[in-house]
PDB file of N, CA and C in Angstrom:
ATOM      1  N   UNK A   1    -115.505  82.145  87.307  1.00  0.00           N
ATOM      2  CA  UNK A   1    -115.107  81.485  86.081  1.00  0.00           C
ATOM      3  C   UNK A   1    -114.929  80.001  86.394  1.00  0.00           C
ATOM      4  N   UNK A   2    -115.403  79.160  85.529  1.00  0.00           N
ATOM      5  CA  UNK A   2    -115.237  77.719  85.674  1.00  0.00           C
ATOM      6  C   UNK A   2    -114.247  77.236  84.626  1.00  0.00           C
ATOM      7  N   UNK A   3    -113.261  76.472  85.068  1.00  0.00           N
ATOM      8  CA  UNK A   3    -112.248  75.929  84.169  1.00  0.00           C
ATOM      9  C   UNK A   3    -112.517  74.440  83.980  1.00  0.00           C
ATOM     10  N   UNK A   4    -112.513  73.985  82.747  1.00  0.00           N
ATOM     11  CA  UNK A   4    -112.680  72.557  82.477  1.00  0.00           C
ATOM     12  C   UNK A   4    -111.749  72.165  81.336  1.00  0.00           C
ATOM     13  N   UNK A   5    -111.472  70.873  81.240  1.00  0.00           N
ATOM     14  CA  UNK A   5    -110.573  70.387  80.212  1.00  0.00           C
ATOM     15  C   UNK A   5    -110.967  68.998  79.758  1.00  0.00           C
ATOM     16  N   UNK A   6    -110.174  68.430  78.893  1.00  0.00           N
ATOM     17  CA  UNK A   6    -110.452  67.105  78.367  1.00  0.00           C
ATOM     18  C   UNK A   6    -110.262  66.032  79.435  1.00  0.00           C
ATOM     19  N   UNK A   7    -111.054  64.993  79.364  1.00  0.00           N
ATOM     20  CA  UNK A   7    -110.919  63.814  80.217  1.00  0.00           C
ATOM     21  C   UNK A   7    -110.953  64.160  81.706  1.00  0.00           C
ATOM     22  N   UNK A   8    -111.761  65.136  82.081  1.00  0.00           N
ATOM     23  CA  UNK A   8    -111.931  65.539  83.484  1.00  0.00           C
ATOM     24  C   UNK A   8    -110.628  65.962  84.156  1.00  0.00           C
ATOM     25  N   UNK A   9    -109.663  66.364  83.388  1.00  0.00           N
ATOM     26  CA  UNK A   9    -108.389  66.807  83.958  1.00  0.00           C
ATOM     27  C   UNK A   9    -108.437  68.322  84.064  1.00  0.00           C
ATOM     28  N   UNK A  10    -108.542  68.806  85.274  1.00  0.00           N
ATOM     29  CA  UNK A  10    -108.645  70.255  85.402  1.00  0.00           C
ATOM     30  C   UNK A  10    -107.252  70.884  85.435  1.00  0.00           C
ATOM     31  N   UNK A  11    -107.233  72.166  85.175  1.00  0.00           N
ATOM     32  CA  UNK A  11    -105.964  72.886  85.099  1.00  0.00           C
ATOM     33  C   UNK A  11    -105.252  72.918  86.444  1.00  0.00           C
ATOM     34  N   UNK A  12    -106.016  72.924  87.532  1.00  0.00           N
ATOM     35  CA  UNK A  12    -105.399  73.043  88.850  1.00  0.00           C
ATOM     36  C   UNK A  12    -104.578  71.825  89.261  1.00  0.00           C
ATOM     37  N   UNK A  13    -104.994  70.638  88.858  1.00  0.00           N
ATOM     38  CA  UNK A  13    -104.288  69.439  89.320  1.00  0.00           C
ATOM     39  C   UNK A  13    -102.831  69.423  88.870  1.00  0.00           C
ATOM     40  N   UNK A  14    -102.579  69.768  87.627  1.00  0.00           N
ATOM     41  CA  UNK A  14    -101.194  69.771  87.156  1.00  0.00           C
ATOM     42  C   UNK A  14    -100.412  70.937  87.747  1.00  0.00           C
ATOM     43  N   UNK A  15    -101.072  72.059  87.976  1.00  0.00           N
ATOM     44  CA  UNK A  15    -100.388  73.198  88.602  1.00  0.00           C
ATOM     45  C   UNK A  15    -100.020  72.887  90.052  1.00  0.00           C
ATOM     46  N   UNK A  16    -100.912  72.195  90.753  1.00  0.00           N
ATOM     47  CA  UNK A  16    -100.614  71.806  92.142  1.00  0.00           C
ATOM     48  C   UNK A  16     -99.382  70.915  92.208  1.00  0.00           C
ATOM     49  N   UNK A  17     -99.265  69.995  91.271  1.00  0.00           N
ATOM     50  CA  UNK A  17     -98.096  69.118  91.236  1.00  0.00           C
ATOM     51  C   UNK A  17     -96.820  69.910  90.961  1.00  0.00           C
ATOM     52  N   UNK A  18     -96.902  70.866  90.062  1.00  0.00           N
ATOM     53  CA  UNK A  18     -95.724  71.681  89.730  1.00  0.00           C
ATOM     54  C   UNK A  18     -95.321  72.607  90.876  1.00  0.00           C
ATOM     55  N   UNK A  19     -96.260  73.009  91.690  1.00  0.00           N
ATOM     56  CA  UNK A  19     -95.956  73.921  92.797  1.00  0.00           C
ATOM     57  C   UNK A  19     -95.020  73.279  93.827  1.00  0.00           C
ATOM     58  N   UNK A  20     -94.944  71.962  93.835  1.00  0.00           N
ATOM     59  CA  UNK A  20     -94.049  71.247  94.756  1.00  0.00           C
ATOM     60  C   UNK A  20     -92.704  70.907  94.134  1.00  0.00           C
ATOM     61  N   UNK A  21     -92.419  71.438  92.965  1.00  0.00           N
ATOM     62  CA  UNK A  21     -91.196  71.136  92.246  1.00  0.00           C
ATOM     63  C   UNK A  21     -89.972  71.658  92.986  1.00  0.00           C
ATOM     64  N   UNK A  22     -88.864  70.955  92.863  1.00  0.00           N
ATOM     65  CA  UNK A  22     -87.600  71.382  93.473  1.00  0.00           C
ATOM     66  C   UNK A  22     -87.079  72.669  92.848  1.00  0.00           C
ATOM     67  N   UNK A  23     -87.324  72.829  91.569  1.00  0.00           N
ATOM     68  CA  UNK A  23     -86.878  74.023  90.855  1.00  0.00           C
ATOM     69  C   UNK A  23     -87.701  75.213  91.354  1.00  0.00           C
ATOM     70  N   UNK A  24     -87.038  76.156  92.007  1.00  0.00           N
ATOM     71  CA  UNK A  24     -87.741  77.281  92.630  1.00  0.00           C
ATOM     72  C   UNK A  24     -88.503  78.145  91.623  1.00  0.00           C
ATOM     73  N   UNK A  25     -87.913  78.376  90.475  1.00  0.00           N
ATOM     74  CA  UNK A  25     -88.563  79.210  89.458  1.00  0.00           C
ATOM     75  C   UNK A  25     -89.808  78.509  88.927  1.00  0.00           C
ATOM     76  N   UNK A  26     -89.683  77.241  88.626  1.00  0.00           N
ATOM     77  CA  UNK A  26     -90.819  76.468  88.133  1.00  0.00           C
ATOM     78  C   UNK A  26     -91.940  76.409  89.169  1.00  0.00           C
ATOM     79  N   UNK A  27     -91.582  76.170  90.418  1.00  0.00           N
ATOM     80  CA  UNK A  27     -92.576  76.118  91.490  1.00  0.00           C
ATOM     81  C   UNK A  27     -93.264  77.472  91.657  1.00  0.00           C
ATOM     82  N   UNK A  28     -92.497  78.555  91.567  1.00  0.00           N
ATOM     83  CA  UNK A  28     -93.084  79.896  91.722  1.00  0.00           C
ATOM     84  C   UNK A  28     -94.043  80.199  90.575  1.00  0.00           C
ATOM     85  N   UNK A  29     -93.702  79.806  89.363  1.00  0.00           N
ATOM     86  CA  UNK A  29     -94.598  80.009  88.227  1.00  0.00           C
ATOM     87  C   UNK A  29     -95.921  79.294  88.455  1.00  0.00           C
ATOM     88  N   UNK A  30     -95.851  78.048  88.912  1.00  0.00           N
ATOM     89  CA  UNK A  30     -97.067  77.266  89.167  1.00  0.00           C
ATOM     90  C   UNK A  30     -97.894  77.899  90.285  1.00  0.00           C
ATOM     91  N   UNK A  31     -97.240  78.346  91.355  1.00  0.00           N
ATOM     92  CA  UNK A  31     -97.945  78.991  92.463  1.00  0.00           C
ATOM     93  C   UNK A  31     -98.662  80.256  91.990  1.00  0.00           C
ATOM     94  N   UNK A  32     -97.979  81.035  91.178  1.00  0.00           N
ATOM     95  CA  UNK A  32     -98.568  82.282  90.697  1.00  0.00           C
ATOM     96  C   UNK A  32     -99.749  82.001  89.768  1.00  0.00           C
ATOM     97  N   UNK A  33     -99.642  80.993  88.918  1.00  0.00           N
ATOM     98  CA  UNK A  33    -100.748  80.640  88.027  1.00  0.00           C
ATOM     99  C   UNK A  33    -101.931  80.119  88.848  1.00  0.00           C
ATOM    100  N   UNK A  34    -101.656  79.309  89.863  1.00  0.00           N
ATOM    101  CA  UNK A  34    -102.717  78.818  90.750  1.00  0.00           C
ATOM    102  C   UNK A  34    -103.429  79.972  91.449  1.00  0.00           C
ATOM    103  N   UNK A  35    -102.663  80.952  91.871  1.00  0.00           N
ATOM    104  CA  UNK A  35    -103.247  82.121  92.520  1.00  0.00           C
ATOM    105  C   UNK A  35    -104.246  82.815  91.586  1.00  0.00           C
ATOM    106  N   UNK A  36    -103.891  82.955  90.330  1.00  0.00           N
ATOM    107  CA  UNK A  36    -104.792  83.575  89.358  1.00  0.00           C
ATOM    108  C   UNK A  36    -106.024  82.715  89.113  1.00  0.00           C
ATOM    109  N   UNK A  37    -105.841  81.420  88.924  1.00  0.00           N
ATOM    110  CA  UNK A  37    -106.968  80.518  88.671  1.00  0.00           C
ATOM    111  C   UNK A  37    -107.953  80.573  89.835  1.00  0.00           C
ATOM    112  N   UNK A  38    -107.454  80.507  91.052  1.00  0.00           N
ATOM    113  CA  UNK A  38    -108.338  80.562  92.232  1.00  0.00           C
ATOM    114  C   UNK A  38    -109.059  81.905  92.320  1.00  0.00           C
ATOM    115  N   UNK A  39    -108.350  82.967  92.017  1.00  0.00           N
ATOM    116  CA  UNK A  39    -108.960  84.298  92.038  1.00  0.00           C
ATOM    117  C   UNK A  39    -110.111  84.380  91.038  1.00  0.00           C
ATOM    118  N   UNK A  40    -109.866  83.907  89.825  1.00  0.00           N
ATOM    119  CA  UNK A  40    -110.899  83.964  88.791  1.00  0.00           C
ATOM    120  C   UNK A  40    -112.087  83.057  89.119  1.00  0.00           C
ATOM    121  N   UNK A  41    -111.826  81.912  89.737  1.00  0.00           N
ATOM    122  CA  UNK A  41    -112.905  80.998  90.107  1.00  0.00           C
ATOM    123  C   UNK A  41    -113.835  81.591  91.163  1.00  0.00           C
ATOM    124  N   UNK A  42    -113.292  82.402  92.037  1.00  0.00           N
ATOM    125  CA  UNK A  42    -114.044  82.929  93.177  1.00  0.00           C
ATOM    126  C   UNK A  42    -114.812  84.204  92.881  1.00  0.00           C
ATOM    127  N   UNK A  43    -114.704  84.736  91.669  1.00  0.00           N
ATOM    128  CA  UNK A  43    -115.330  86.019  91.373  1.00  0.00           C
ATOM    129  C   UNK A  43    -116.200  85.944  90.129  1.00  0.00           C
ATOM    130  N   UNK A  44    -117.304  86.724  90.151  1.00  0.00           N
ATOM    131  CA  UNK A  44    -118.155  86.764  88.956  1.00  0.00           C
ATOM    132  C   UNK A  44    -117.472  87.580  87.862  1.00  0.00           C
ATOM    133  N   UNK A  45    -117.944  87.502  86.655  1.00  0.00           N
ATOM    134  CA  UNK A  45    -119.017  86.633  86.172  1.00  0.00           C
ATOM    135  C   UNK A  45    -118.525  85.206  86.001  1.00  0.00           C
ATOM    136  N   UNK A  46    -119.454  84.292  85.925  1.00  0.00           N
ATOM    137  CA  UNK A  46    -119.129  82.874  85.902  1.00  0.00           C
ATOM    138  C   UNK A  46    -119.111  82.323  84.479  1.00  0.00           C
ATOM    139  N   UNK A  47    -118.063  82.606  83.751  1.00  0.00           N
ATOM    140  CA  UNK A  47    -117.885  82.042  82.418  1.00  0.00           C
ATOM    141  C   UNK A  47    -117.403  80.606  82.562  1.00  0.00           C
ATOM    142  N   UNK A  48    -117.766  79.766  81.621  1.00  0.00           N
ATOM    143  CA  UNK A  48    -117.249  78.401  81.579  1.00  0.00           C
ATOM    144  C   UNK A  48    -116.257  78.356  80.425  1.00  0.00           C
ATOM    145  N   UNK A  49    -114.989  78.169  80.756  1.00  0.00           N
ATOM    146  CA  UNK A  49    -113.934  78.206  79.742  1.00  0.00           C
ATOM    147  C   UNK A  49    -113.204  76.877  79.690  1.00  0.00           C
ATOM    148  N   UNK A  50    -112.799  76.503  78.497  1.00  0.00           N
ATOM    149  CA  UNK A  50    -111.981  75.311  78.298  1.00  0.00           C
ATOM    150  C   UNK A  50    -110.536  75.724  78.555  1.00  0.00           C
ATOM    151  N   UNK A  51    -109.867  75.038  79.468  1.00  0.00           N
ATOM    152  CA  UNK A  51    -108.502  75.403  79.842  1.00  0.00           C
ATOM    153  C   UNK A  51    -107.545  74.264  79.551  1.00  0.00           C
ATOM    154  N   UNK A  52    -106.418  74.596  78.955  1.00  0.00           N
ATOM    155  CA  UNK A  52    -105.353  73.624  78.754  1.00  0.00           C
ATOM    156  C   UNK A  52    -104.044  74.236  79.210  1.00  0.00           C
ATOM    157  N   UNK A  53    -103.235  73.419  79.844  1.00  0.00           N
ATOM    158  CA  UNK A  53    -101.921  73.882  80.259  1.00  0.00           C
ATOM    159  C   UNK A  53    -100.944  73.559  79.150  1.00  0.00           C
ATOM    160  N   UNK A  54    -100.199  74.556  78.729  1.00  0.00           N
ATOM    161  CA  UNK A  54     -99.178  74.383  77.695  1.00  0.00           C
ATOM    162  C   UNK A  54     -97.823  74.655  78.327  1.00  0.00           C
ATOM    163  N   UNK A  55     -96.892  73.797  77.994  1.00  0.00           N
ATOM    164  CA  UNK A  55     -95.569  73.889  78.608  1.00  0.00           C
ATOM    165  C   UNK A  55     -95.769  73.928  80.120  1.00  0.00           C
ATOM    166  N   UNK A  56     -94.943  74.650  80.820  1.00  0.00           N
ATOM    167  CA  UNK A  56     -95.076  74.691  82.267  1.00  0.00           C
ATOM    168  C   UNK A  56     -95.782  75.966  82.713  1.00  0.00           C
ATOM    169  N   UNK A  57     -95.539  77.043  82.013  1.00  0.00           N
ATOM    170  CA  UNK A  57     -95.963  78.346  82.506  1.00  0.00           C
ATOM    171  C   UNK A  57     -97.058  78.990  81.667  1.00  0.00           C
ATOM    172  N   UNK A  58     -97.802  78.190  80.900  1.00  0.00           N
ATOM    173  CA  UNK A  58     -98.844  78.773  80.059  1.00  0.00           C
ATOM    174  C   UNK A  58    -100.178  78.085  80.306  1.00  0.00           C
ATOM    175  N   UNK A  59    -101.217  78.894  80.362  1.00  0.00           N
ATOM    176  CA  UNK A  59    -102.575  78.394  80.455  1.00  0.00           C
ATOM    177  C   UNK A  59    -103.333  79.008  79.289  1.00  0.00           C
ATOM    178  N   UNK A  60    -103.940  78.170  78.465  1.00  0.00           N
ATOM    179  CA  UNK A  60    -104.707  78.646  77.315  1.00  0.00           C
ATOM    180  C   UNK A  60    -106.179  78.449  77.612  1.00  0.00           C
ATOM    181  N   UNK A  61    -106.966  79.485  77.378  1.00  0.00           N
ATOM    182  CA  UNK A  61    -108.404  79.450  77.626  1.00  0.00           C
ATOM    183  C   UNK A  61    -109.156  79.645  76.317  1.00  0.00           C
ATOM    184  N   UNK A  62    -110.259  78.933  76.169  1.00  0.00           N
ATOM    185  CA  UNK A  62    -111.146  79.123  75.036  1.00  0.00           C
ATOM    186  C   UNK A  62    -112.541  79.339  75.582  1.00  0.00           C
ATOM    187  N   UNK A  63    -113.177  80.411  75.119  1.00  0.00           N
ATOM    188  CA  UNK A  63    -114.528  80.725  75.554  1.00  0.00           C
ATOM    189  C   UNK A  63    -115.418  80.891  74.328  1.00  0.00           C
ATOM    190  N   UNK A  64    -116.631  80.343  74.415  1.00  0.00           N
ATOM    191  CA  UNK A  64    -117.592  80.504  73.327  1.00  0.00           C
ATOM    192  C   UNK A  64    -117.449  79.432  72.269  1.00  0.00           C
ATOM    193  N   UNK A  65    -118.287  79.575  71.272  1.00  0.00           N
ATOM    194  CA  UNK A  65    -118.282  78.636  70.154  1.00  0.00           C
ATOM    195  C   UNK A  65    -118.300  79.416  68.860  1.00  0.00           C
ATOM    196  N   UNK A  66    -117.838  78.771  67.831  1.00  0.00           N
ATOM    197  CA  UNK A  66    -117.874  79.426  66.524  1.00  0.00           C
ATOM    198  C   UNK A  66    -119.295  79.800  66.188  1.00  0.00           C
ATOM    199  N   UNK A  67    -119.563  80.874  65.593  1.00  0.00           N
ATOM    200  CA  UNK A  67    -118.616  81.766  64.933  1.00  0.00           C
ATOM    201  C   UNK A  67    -117.964  82.790  65.872  1.00  0.00           C
ATOM    202  N   UNK A  68    -118.365  82.843  67.155  1.00  0.00           N
ATOM    203  CA  UNK A  68    -117.811  83.843  68.076  1.00  0.00           C
ATOM    204  C   UNK A  68    -117.052  83.145  69.205  1.00  0.00           C
ATOM    205  N   UNK A  69    -115.763  82.947  69.010  1.00  0.00           N
ATOM    206  CA  UNK A  69    -114.903  82.339  70.021  1.00  0.00           C
ATOM    207  C   UNK A  69    -113.873  83.358  70.461  1.00  0.00           C
ATOM    208  N   UNK A  70    -113.411  83.195  71.702  1.00  0.00           N
ATOM    209  CA  UNK A  70    -112.345  84.044  72.229  1.00  0.00           C
ATOM    210  C   UNK A  70    -111.271  83.126  72.798  1.00  0.00           C
ATOM    211  N   UNK A  71    -110.020  83.420  72.483  1.00  0.00           N
ATOM    212  CA  UNK A  71    -108.897  82.660  72.986  1.00  0.00           C
ATOM    213  C   UNK A  71    -108.042  83.563  73.852  1.00  0.00           C
ATOM    214  N   UNK A  72    -107.553  83.013  74.949  1.00  0.00           N
ATOM    215  CA  UNK A  72    -106.658  83.759  75.833  1.00  0.00           C
ATOM    216  C   UNK A  72    -105.462  82.886  76.163  1.00  0.00           C
ATOM    217  N   UNK A  73    -104.295  83.492  76.102  1.00  0.00           N
ATOM    218  CA  UNK A  73    -103.061  82.828  76.521  1.00  0.00           C
ATOM    219  C   UNK A  73    -102.551  83.574  77.740  1.00  0.00           C
ATOM    220  N   UNK A  74    -102.337  82.838  78.807  1.00  0.00           N
ATOM    221  CA  UNK A  74    -101.828  83.436  80.040  1.00  0.00           C
ATOM    222  C   UNK A  74    -100.462  82.810  80.308  1.00  0.00           C
ATOM    223  N   UNK A  75     -99.478  83.668  80.457  1.00  0.00           N
ATOM    224  CA  UNK A  75     -98.120  83.197  80.734  1.00  0.00           C
ATOM    225  C   UNK A  75     -97.563  83.920  81.943  1.00  0.00           C
ATOM    226  N   UNK A  76     -96.638  83.260  82.591  1.00  0.00           N
ATOM    227  CA  UNK A  76     -95.879  83.890  83.666  1.00  0.00           C
ATOM    228  C   UNK A  76     -94.570  84.358  83.044  1.00  0.00           C
ATOM    229  N   UNK A  77     -94.244  85.605  83.263  1.00  0.00           N
ATOM    230  CA  UNK A  77     -93.096  86.213  82.606  1.00  0.00           C
ATOM    231  C   UNK A  77     -92.365  87.092  83.609  1.00  0.00           C
ATOM    232  N   UNK A  78     -91.198  87.583  83.251  1.00  0.00           N
ATOM    233  CA  UNK A  78     -90.467  88.539  84.065  1.00  0.00           C
ATOM    234  C   UNK A  78     -89.577  89.359  83.166  1.00  0.00           C
ATOM    235  N   UNK A  79     -89.167  90.496  83.683  1.00  0.00           N
ATOM    236  CA  UNK A  79     -88.298  91.393  82.915  1.00  0.00           C
ATOM    237  C   UNK A  79     -86.890  90.834  82.856  1.00  0.00           C
ATOM    238  N   UNK A  80     -86.279  90.925  81.686  1.00  0.00           N
ATOM    239  CA  UNK A  80     -84.879  90.525  81.563  1.00  0.00           C
ATOM    240  C   UNK A  80     -84.046  91.398  82.489  1.00  0.00           C
ATOM    241  N   UNK A  81     -83.157  90.779  83.216  1.00  0.00           N
ATOM    242  CA  UNK A  81     -82.273  91.478  84.149  1.00  0.00           C
ATOM    243  C   UNK A  81     -83.061  92.257  85.205  1.00  0.00           C
ATOM    244  N   UNK A  82     -84.267  91.804  85.498  1.00  0.00           N
ATOM    245  CA  UNK A  82     -85.115  92.463  86.484  1.00  0.00           C
ATOM    246  C   UNK A  82     -84.721  92.089  87.900  1.00  0.00           C
ATOM    247  N   UNK A  83     -85.407  92.690  88.857  1.00  0.00           N
ATOM    248  CA  UNK A  83     -85.090  92.426  90.261  1.00  0.00           C
ATOM    249  C   UNK A  83     -85.433  90.990  90.673  1.00  0.00           C
ATOM    250  N   UNK A  84     -84.713  90.519  91.690  1.00  0.00           N
ATOM    251  CA  UNK A  84     -84.924  89.185  92.229  1.00  0.00           C
ATOM    252  C   UNK A  84     -85.491  89.281  93.638  1.00  0.00           C
ATOM    253  N   UNK A  85     -86.218  88.247  94.017  1.00  0.00           N
ATOM    254  CA  UNK A  85     -86.714  88.126  95.385  1.00  0.00           C
ATOM    255  C   UNK A  85     -86.403  86.698  95.822  1.00  0.00           C
ATOM    256  N   UNK A  86     -85.548  86.535  96.804  1.00  0.00           N
ATOM    257  CA  UNK A  86     -85.095  85.212  97.251  1.00  0.00           C
ATOM    258  C   UNK A  86     -84.465  84.420  96.100  1.00  0.00           C
ATOM    259  N   UNK A  87     -83.754  85.114  95.227  1.00  0.00           N
ATOM    260  CA  UNK A  87     -83.075  84.470  94.119  1.00  0.00           C
ATOM    261  C   UNK A  87     -83.967  84.119  92.942  1.00  0.00           C
ATOM    262  N   UNK A  88     -85.238  84.517  92.991  1.00  0.00           N
ATOM    263  CA  UNK A  88     -86.202  84.224  91.932  1.00  0.00           C
ATOM    264  C   UNK A  88     -86.633  85.544  91.302  1.00  0.00           C
ATOM    265  N   UNK A  89     -86.716  85.606  89.972  1.00  0.00           N
ATOM    266  CA  UNK A  89     -87.180  86.851  89.338  1.00  0.00           C
ATOM    267  C   UNK A  89     -88.587  87.237  89.823  1.00  0.00           C
ATOM    268  N   UNK A  90     -88.830  88.526  89.954  1.00  0.00           N
ATOM    269  CA  UNK A  90     -90.175  89.003  90.285  1.00  0.00           C
ATOM    270  C   UNK A  90     -91.003  88.878  89.015  1.00  0.00           C
ATOM    271  N   UNK A  91     -92.061  88.077  89.105  1.00  0.00           N
ATOM    272  CA  UNK A  91     -92.818  87.684  87.917  1.00  0.00           C
ATOM    273  C   UNK A  91     -94.117  88.470  87.785  1.00  0.00           C
ATOM    274  N   UNK A  92     -94.608  88.502  86.556  1.00  0.00           N
ATOM    275  CA  UNK A  92     -95.897  89.116  86.269  1.00  0.00           C
ATOM    276  C   UNK A  92     -96.655  88.211  85.292  1.00  0.00           C
ATOM    277  N   UNK A  93     -97.937  88.509  85.130  1.00  0.00           N
ATOM    278  CA  UNK A  93     -98.760  87.775  84.172  1.00  0.00           C
ATOM    279  C   UNK A  93     -98.702  88.494  82.830  1.00  0.00           C
ATOM    280  N   UNK A  94     -98.680  87.717  81.786  1.00  0.00           N
ATOM    281  CA  UNK A  94     -98.743  88.262  80.435  1.00  0.00           C
ATOM    282  C   UNK A  94     -99.948  87.597  79.769  1.00  0.00           C
ATOM    283  N   UNK A  95    -100.969  88.389  79.488  1.00  0.00           N
ATOM    284  CA  UNK A  95    -102.219  87.855  78.960  1.00  0.00           C
ATOM    285  C   UNK A  95    -102.438  88.403  77.561  1.00  0.00           C
ATOM    286  N   UNK A  96    -102.705  87.473  76.626  1.00  0.00           N
ATOM    287  CA  UNK A  96    -103.015  87.840  75.256  1.00  0.00           C
ATOM    288  C   UNK A  96    -104.391  87.272  74.931  1.00  0.00           C
ATOM    289  N   UNK A  97    -105.250  88.080  74.333  1.00  0.00           N
ATOM    290  CA  UNK A  97    -106.580  87.604  73.936  1.00  0.00           C
ATOM    291  C   UNK A  97    -106.835  87.945  72.475  1.00  0.00           C
ATOM    292  N   UNK A  98    -107.635  87.087  71.855  1.00  0.00           N
ATOM    293  CA  UNK A  98    -108.013  87.284  70.455  1.00  0.00           C
ATOM    294  C   UNK A  98    -109.377  86.653  70.271  1.00  0.00           C
ATOM    295  N   UNK A  99    -110.252  87.374  69.618  1.00  0.00           N
ATOM    296  CA  UNK A  99    -111.557  86.798  69.291  1.00  0.00           C
ATOM    297  C   UNK A  99    -111.565  86.411  67.821  1.00  0.00           C
ATOM    298  N   UNK A 100    -112.559  85.618  67.449  1.00  0.00           N
ATOM    299  CA  UNK A 100    -112.660  85.196  66.058  1.00  0.00           C
ATOM    300  C   UNK A 100    -112.933  86.385  65.139  1.00  0.00           C
ATOM    301  N   UNK A 101    -113.351  87.523  65.714  1.00  0.00           N
ATOM    302  CA  UNK A 101    -113.615  88.729  64.931  1.00  0.00           C
ATOM    303  C   UNK A 101    -112.360  89.576  64.690  1.00  0.00           C
ATOM    304  N   UNK A 102    -111.297  89.290  65.429  1.00  0.00           N
ATOM    305  CA  UNK A 102    -110.093  90.121  65.370  1.00  0.00           C
ATOM    306  C   UNK A 102    -108.994  89.459  64.549  1.00  0.00           C
ATOM    307  N   UNK A 103    -108.132  90.305  64.005  1.00  0.00           N
ATOM    308  CA  UNK A 103    -106.977  89.812  63.256  1.00  0.00           C
ATOM    309  C   UNK A 103    -105.712  89.786  64.106  1.00  0.00           C
ATOM    310  N   UNK A 104    -105.709  90.531  65.207  1.00  0.00           N
ATOM    311  CA  UNK A 104    -104.516  90.622  66.047  1.00  0.00           C
ATOM    312  C   UNK A 104    -104.864  90.312  67.500  1.00  0.00           C
ATOM    313  N   UNK A 105    -103.841  89.961  68.262  1.00  0.00           N
ATOM    314  CA  UNK A 105    -103.987  89.694  69.687  1.00  0.00           C
ATOM    315  C   UNK A 105    -103.876  91.001  70.457  1.00  0.00           C
ATOM    316  N   UNK A 106    -104.676  91.146  71.514  1.00  0.00           N
ATOM    317  CA  UNK A 106    -104.537  92.251  72.468  1.00  0.00           C
ATOM    318  C   UNK A 106    -103.763  91.708  73.658  1.00  0.00           C
ATOM    319  N   UNK A 107    -102.975  92.550  74.285  1.00  0.00           N
ATOM    320  CA  UNK A 107    -102.110  92.054  75.356  1.00  0.00           C
ATOM    321  C   UNK A 107    -102.031  93.026  76.520  1.00  0.00           C
ATOM    322  N   UNK A 108    -101.940  92.462  77.726  1.00  0.00           N
ATOM    323  CA  UNK A 108    -101.565  93.249  78.907  1.00  0.00           C
ATOM    324  C   UNK A 108    -100.532  92.457  79.699  1.00  0.00           C
ATOM    325  N   UNK A 109     -99.765  93.182  80.473  1.00  0.00           N
ATOM    326  CA  UNK A 109     -98.828  92.592  81.428  1.00  0.00           C
ATOM    327  C   UNK A 109     -99.128  93.233  82.765  1.00  0.00           C
ATOM    328  N   UNK A 110     -99.338  92.396  83.765  1.00  0.00           N
ATOM    329  CA  UNK A 110     -99.740  92.942  85.058  1.00  0.00           C
ATOM    330  C   UNK A 110     -99.435  91.953  86.170  1.00  0.00           C
ATOM    331  N   UNK A 111     -99.307  92.489  87.374  1.00  0.00           N
ATOM    332  CA  UNK A 111     -99.212  91.670  88.579  1.00  0.00           C
ATOM    333  C   UNK A 111    -100.520  91.737  89.355  1.00  0.00           C
ATOM    334  N   UNK A 112    -101.463  92.561  88.885  1.00  0.00           N
ATOM    335  CA  UNK A 112    -102.725  92.793  89.592  1.00  0.00           C
ATOM    336  C   UNK A 112    -103.806  91.829  89.105  1.00  0.00           C
ATOM    337  N   UNK A 113    -104.289  90.985  89.992  1.00  0.00           N
ATOM    338  CA  UNK A 113    -105.281  89.972  89.631  1.00  0.00           C
ATOM    339  C   UNK A 113    -106.594  90.588  89.154  1.00  0.00           C
ATOM    340  N   UNK A 114    -107.026  91.650  89.780  1.00  0.00           N
ATOM    341  CA  UNK A 114    -108.295  92.271  89.384  1.00  0.00           C
ATOM    342  C   UNK A 114    -108.194  92.889  87.988  1.00  0.00           C
ATOM    343  N   UNK A 115    -107.077  93.459  87.655  1.00  0.00           N
ATOM    344  CA  UNK A 115    -106.881  94.013  86.314  1.00  0.00           C
ATOM    345  C   UNK A 115    -106.971  92.899  85.260  1.00  0.00           C
ATOM    346  N   UNK A 116    -106.415  91.757  85.568  1.00  0.00           N
ATOM    347  CA  UNK A 116    -106.478  90.618  84.648  1.00  0.00           C
ATOM    348  C   UNK A 116    -107.906  90.121  84.514  1.00  0.00           C
ATOM    349  N   UNK A 117    -108.628  90.013  85.631  1.00  0.00           N
ATOM    350  CA  UNK A 117    -110.022  89.575  85.587  1.00  0.00           C
ATOM    351  C   UNK A 117    -110.849  90.510  84.711  1.00  0.00           C
ATOM    352  N   UNK A 118    -110.667  91.803  84.865  1.00  0.00           N
ATOM    353  CA  UNK A 118    -111.407  92.775  84.062  1.00  0.00           C
ATOM    354  C   UNK A 118    -111.051  92.668  82.579  1.00  0.00           C
ATOM    355  N   UNK A 119    -109.789  92.457  82.273  1.00  0.00           N
ATOM    356  CA  UNK A 119    -109.345  92.307  80.890  1.00  0.00           C
ATOM    357  C   UNK A 119    -110.005  91.086  80.239  1.00  0.00           C
ATOM    358  N   UNK A 120    -110.013  89.963  80.952  1.00  0.00           N
ATOM    359  CA  UNK A 120    -110.629  88.743  80.433  1.00  0.00           C
ATOM    360  C   UNK A 120    -112.144  88.906  80.320  1.00  0.00           C
ATOM    361  N   UNK A 121    -112.778  89.529  81.299  1.00  0.00           N
ATOM    362  CA  UNK A 121    -114.221  89.754  81.260  1.00  0.00           C
ATOM    363  C   UNK A 121    -114.609  90.579  80.064  1.00  0.00           C
ATOM    364  N   UNK A 122    -113.852  91.624  79.805  1.00  0.00           N
ATOM    365  CA  UNK A 122    -114.123  92.476  78.646  1.00  0.00           C
ATOM    366  C   UNK A 122    -113.983  91.682  77.341  1.00  0.00           C
ATOM    367  N   UNK A 123    -112.987  90.814  77.277  1.00  0.00           N
ATOM    368  CA  UNK A 123    -112.773  90.021  76.066  1.00  0.00           C
ATOM    369  C   UNK A 123    -113.885  88.992  75.865  1.00  0.00           C
ATOM    370  N   UNK A 124    -114.376  88.398  76.950  1.00  0.00           N
ATOM    371  CA  UNK A 124    -115.377  87.341  76.857  1.00  0.00           C
ATOM    372  C   UNK A 124    -116.794  87.891  76.637  1.00  0.00           C
ATOM    373  N   UNK A 125    -117.037  89.142  77.009  1.00  0.00           N
ATOM    374  CA  UNK A 125    -118.376  89.735  76.831  1.00  0.00           C
ATOM    375  C   UNK A 125    -118.687  90.024  75.374  1.00  0.00           C
TER     376      UNK A 125
END
């Protein structure tokens, strides 16, 4: 998968900066998002998606052109009152996708990178 954005600003550059943040939770969110981006970049199929970072922990993807577009929102999330690891909540990915043909968003929550790749591939095909 290829990620691109406006003004040659790729999604990874801002995530790399956030990964060095003093705030442990914020840094962990950025690290986890970077892990997913790198995983998707290294594996087929090679979709070219427009990526924008929203807030700190969200990556929005757009694939295709009208009349057939697909949007994906990827967030880093954790269970309320869930377990901690080194004082940081154990996080998972929350992915929502919607195509221009659908009225509702489809969603998965997972910590497995391959499951997320398959979910996005199915949505983009």
